[in-house]
Amino acid sequence: MSFSENLRDILDFRGMQTKELAAKTEISKNTIDNYLSGQKSLPNIENGVKIAQALGVTVEYLVTGNEPTAVQNQPLIHEQPRKSLTIDKKLSAFLDDLKRLKKSDFDSIRAIVKSLAK
């Protein structure tokens, strides 16, 4: 998946709007909208780090959709000092299972979860 798709997915997962991300990162909403539309494919390093920190993911996850290979057992979402966010072991195991699915299966499960969440 592309940076814009990964960014959109994590924003959706967080239930966060672009204006909220803009406020947290001090990156203009227009610039974030450009990242999401693919007009500007990748942010500079500084903005990439700001976005990753604001969303509680790694820069590598935003760029590749994969967790860092050098860090074993690091969850997709990690605890941030400013915002207490923890994931229990069952959810962490579920996320690990999701990563192993084929894209079509993952998309189906994501659609089901979104419909149930409404």
C-alpha atoms as a PDB file:
ATOM      1  CA  MET A   1       0.000   0.000   0.000  1.00  0.00           C
ATOM      2  CA  SER A   2       1.110   3.574  -0.587  1.00  0.00           C
ATOM      3  CA  PHE A   3       1.840   6.247   1.973  1.00  0.00           C
ATOM      4  CA  SER A   4      -1.486   7.927   1.243  1.00  0.00           C
ATOM      5  CA  GLU A   5      -3.394   4.643   1.728  1.00  0.00           C
ATOM      6  CA  ASN A   6      -1.529   3.858   4.953  1.00  0.00           C
ATOM      7  CA  LEU A   7      -2.141   7.377   6.247  1.00  0.00           C
ATOM      8  CA  ARG A   8      -5.854   7.151   5.394  1.00  0.00           C
ATOM      9  CA  ASP A   9      -6.128   3.733   7.088  1.00  0.00           C
ATOM     10  CA  ILE A  10      -4.547   4.871  10.341  1.00  0.00           C
ATOM     11  CA  LEU A  11      -6.606   8.094  10.356  1.00  0.00           C
ATOM     12  CA  ASP A  12      -9.746   5.973   9.905  1.00  0.00           C
ATOM     13  CA  PHE A  13      -8.577   3.553  12.603  1.00  0.00           C
ATOM     14  CA  ARG A  14      -8.034   6.468  14.984  1.00  0.00           C
ATOM     15  CA  GLY A  15     -11.272   8.172  13.964  1.00  0.00           C
ATOM     16  CA  MET A  16      -9.217  11.292  13.360  1.00  0.00           C
ATOM     17  CA  GLN A  17      -9.920  14.002  10.813  1.00  0.00           C
ATOM     18  CA  THR A  18      -7.246  15.743   8.788  1.00  0.00           C
ATOM     19  CA  LYS A  19      -7.821  19.020  10.613  1.00  0.00           C
ATOM     20  CA  GLU A  20      -7.059  17.249  13.921  1.00  0.00           C
ATOM     21  CA  LEU A  21      -3.855  15.791  12.492  1.00  0.00           C
ATOM     22  CA  ALA A  22      -2.921  19.218  11.140  1.00  0.00           C
ATOM     23  CA  ALA A  23      -3.397  20.755  14.585  1.00  0.00           C
ATOM     24  CA  LYS A  24      -1.354  18.018  16.305  1.00  0.00           C
ATOM     25  CA  THR A  25       1.509  18.175  13.820  1.00  0.00           C
ATOM     26  CA  GLU A  26       1.480  21.864  12.901  1.00  0.00           C
ATOM     27  CA  ILE A  27       1.418  20.776   9.241  1.00  0.00           C
ATOM     28  CA  SER A  28      -1.140  22.605   7.134  1.00  0.00           C
ATOM     29  CA  LYS A  29      -4.400  20.803   6.395  1.00  0.00           C
ATOM     30  CA  ASN A  30      -3.793  21.411   2.673  1.00  0.00           C
ATOM     31  CA  THR A  31      -0.435  19.626   2.857  1.00  0.00           C
ATOM     32  CA  ILE A  32      -2.000  16.660   4.667  1.00  0.00           C
ATOM     33  CA  ASP A  33      -4.808  16.599   2.099  1.00  0.00           C
ATOM     34  CA  ASN A  34      -2.120  16.486  -0.619  1.00  0.00           C
ATOM     35  CA  TYR A  35      -0.480  13.492   1.092  1.00  0.00           C
ATOM     36  CA  LEU A  36      -3.864  11.758   1.272  1.00  0.00           C
ATOM     37  CA  SER A  37      -4.707  12.434  -2.366  1.00  0.00           C
ATOM     38  CA  GLY A  38      -1.313  11.235  -3.563  1.00  0.00           C
ATOM     39  CA  GLN A  39      -0.529  14.615  -5.150  1.00  0.00           C
ATOM     40  CA  LYS A  40       2.472  14.823  -2.867  1.00  0.00           C
ATOM     41  CA  SER A  41       3.533  11.209  -2.447  1.00  0.00           C
ATOM     42  CA  LEU A  42       5.820  11.392   0.591  1.00  0.00           C
ATOM     43  CA  PRO A  43       6.382  14.040   3.244  1.00  0.00           C
ATOM     44  CA  ASN A  44       9.831  15.276   4.094  1.00  0.00           C
ATOM     45  CA  ILE A  45      11.486  13.496   7.020  1.00  0.00           C
ATOM     46  CA  GLU A  46      10.467  16.107   9.584  1.00  0.00           C
ATOM     47  CA  ASN A  47       6.789  15.945   8.593  1.00  0.00           C
ATOM     48  CA  GLY A  48       6.880  12.161   8.380  1.00  0.00           C
ATOM     49  CA  VAL A  49       8.132  11.950  11.947  1.00  0.00           C
ATOM     50  CA  LYS A  50       5.533  14.457  13.169  1.00  0.00           C
ATOM     51  CA  ILE A  51       2.716  12.509  11.506  1.00  0.00           C
ATOM     52  CA  ALA A  52       3.943   9.155  12.816  1.00  0.00           C
ATOM     53  CA  GLN A  53       4.266  10.491  16.366  1.00  0.00           C
ATOM     54  CA  ALA A  54       0.832  12.103  16.271  1.00  0.00           C
ATOM     55  CA  LEU A  55      -0.727   8.838  15.093  1.00  0.00           C
ATOM     56  CA  GLY A  56       1.291   6.550  17.369  1.00  0.00           C
ATOM     57  CA  VAL A  57       2.880   4.528  14.577  1.00  0.00           C
ATOM     58  CA  THR A  58       6.349   4.274  13.081  1.00  0.00           C
ATOM     59  CA  VAL A  59       7.457   6.175  10.002  1.00  0.00           C
ATOM     60  CA  GLU A  60       8.214   2.803   8.406  1.00  0.00           C
ATOM     61  CA  TYR A  61       4.604   1.744   8.934  1.00  0.00           C
ATOM     62  CA  LEU A  62       3.343   4.908   7.222  1.00  0.00           C
ATOM     63  CA  VAL A  63       5.657   4.442   4.250  1.00  0.00           C
ATOM     64  CA  THR A  64       5.513   0.669   3.770  1.00  0.00           C
ATOM     65  CA  GLY A  65       2.498  -0.553   5.716  1.00  0.00           C
ATOM     66  CA  ASN A  66       4.861  -2.886   7.582  1.00  0.00           C
ATOM     67  CA  GLU A  67       6.280  -2.668  11.035  1.00  0.00           C
ATOM     68  CA  PRO A  68      10.035  -2.229  11.428  1.00  0.00           C
ATOM     69  CA  THR A  69      11.904  -5.437  10.735  1.00  0.00           C
ATOM     70  CA  ALA A  70      14.716  -4.540  13.105  1.00  0.00           C
ATOM     71  CA  VAL A  71      12.379  -4.358  16.096  1.00  0.00           C
ATOM     72  CA  GLN A  72      10.789  -7.643  17.066  1.00  0.00           C
ATOM     73  CA  ASN A  73       7.294  -7.803  18.553  1.00  0.00           C
ATOM     74  CA  GLN A  74       6.672  -4.061  18.363  1.00  0.00           C
ATOM     75  CA  PRO A  75       2.926  -3.474  18.146  1.00  0.00           C
ATOM     76  CA  LEU A  76       1.449  -1.381  15.340  1.00  0.00           C
ATOM     77  CA  ILE A  77       0.240   1.124  17.890  1.00  0.00           C
ATOM     78  CA  HIS A  78       2.570   1.976  20.716  1.00  0.00           C
ATOM     79  CA  GLU A  79       2.205   3.891  23.920  1.00  0.00           C
ATOM     80  CA  GLN A  80       2.958   7.588  23.730  1.00  0.00           C
ATOM     81  CA  PRO A  81       3.930   9.669  26.756  1.00  0.00           C
ATOM     82  CA  ARG A  82       1.432  12.441  25.887  1.00  0.00           C
ATOM     83  CA  LYS A  83      -1.480  10.120  25.356  1.00  0.00           C
ATOM     84  CA  SER A  84      -2.017   6.954  27.287  1.00  0.00           C
ATOM     85  CA  LEU A  85      -2.831   4.361  24.652  1.00  0.00           C
ATOM     86  CA  THR A  86      -2.474   0.713  25.449  1.00  0.00           C
ATOM     87  CA  ILE A  87      -3.506  -2.358  23.585  1.00  0.00           C
ATOM     88  CA  ASP A  88      -4.320  -5.492  25.492  1.00  0.00           C
ATOM     89  CA  LYS A  89      -2.775  -8.803  24.487  1.00  0.00           C
ATOM     90  CA  LYS A  90      -5.905 -10.063  22.713  1.00  0.00           C
ATOM     91  CA  LEU A  91      -6.061  -7.004  20.457  1.00  0.00           C
ATOM     92  CA  SER A  92      -2.340  -7.195  19.771  1.00  0.00           C
ATOM     93  CA  ALA A  93      -2.707 -10.866  18.783  1.00  0.00           C
ATOM     94  CA  PHE A  94      -5.688  -9.965  16.587  1.00  0.00           C
ATOM     95  CA  LEU A  95      -3.639  -7.292  14.806  1.00  0.00           C
ATOM     96  CA  ASP A  96      -0.877  -9.835  14.239  1.00  0.00           C
ATOM     97  CA  ASP A  97      -3.440 -12.200  12.687  1.00  0.00           C
ATOM     98  CA  LEU A  98      -4.752  -9.426  10.432  1.00  0.00           C
ATOM     99  CA  LYS A  99      -1.251  -8.757   9.104  1.00  0.00           C
ATOM    100  CA  ARG A 100      -1.028 -12.323   7.828  1.00  0.00           C
ATOM    101  CA  LEU A 101      -4.257 -12.149   5.796  1.00  0.00           C
ATOM    102  CA  LYS A 102      -4.466 -11.757   2.049  1.00  0.00           C
ATOM    103  CA  LYS A 103      -5.431  -8.204   1.077  1.00  0.00           C
ATOM    104  CA  SER A 104      -8.874  -9.279  -0.130  1.00  0.00           C
ATOM    105  CA  ASP A 105      -9.606 -11.041   3.173  1.00  0.00           C
ATOM    106  CA  PHE A 106      -8.297  -8.073   5.139  1.00  0.00           C
ATOM    107  CA  ASP A 107     -10.497  -5.691   3.138  1.00  0.00           C
ATOM    108  CA  SER A 108     -13.549  -7.887   3.798  1.00  0.00           C
ATOM    109  CA  ILE A 109     -12.924  -7.964   7.534  1.00  0.00           C
ATOM    110  CA  ARG A 110     -12.283  -4.221   7.575  1.00  0.00           C
ATOM    111  CA  ALA A 111     -15.642  -3.614   5.839  1.00  0.00           C
ATOM    112  CA  ILE A 112     -17.419  -5.798   8.396  1.00  0.00           C
ATOM    113  CA  VAL A 113     -15.800  -3.979  11.322  1.00  0.00           C
ATOM    114  CA  LYS A 114     -16.670  -0.584   9.838  1.00  0.00           C
ATOM    115  CA  SER A 115     -20.305  -1.607   9.362  1.00  0.00           C
ATOM    116  CA  LEU A 116     -20.527  -2.935  12.924  1.00  0.00           C
ATOM    117  CA  ALA A 117     -18.971   0.241  14.315  1.00  0.00           C
ATOM    118  CA  LYS A 118     -21.700   2.435  12.792  1.00  0.00           C
END
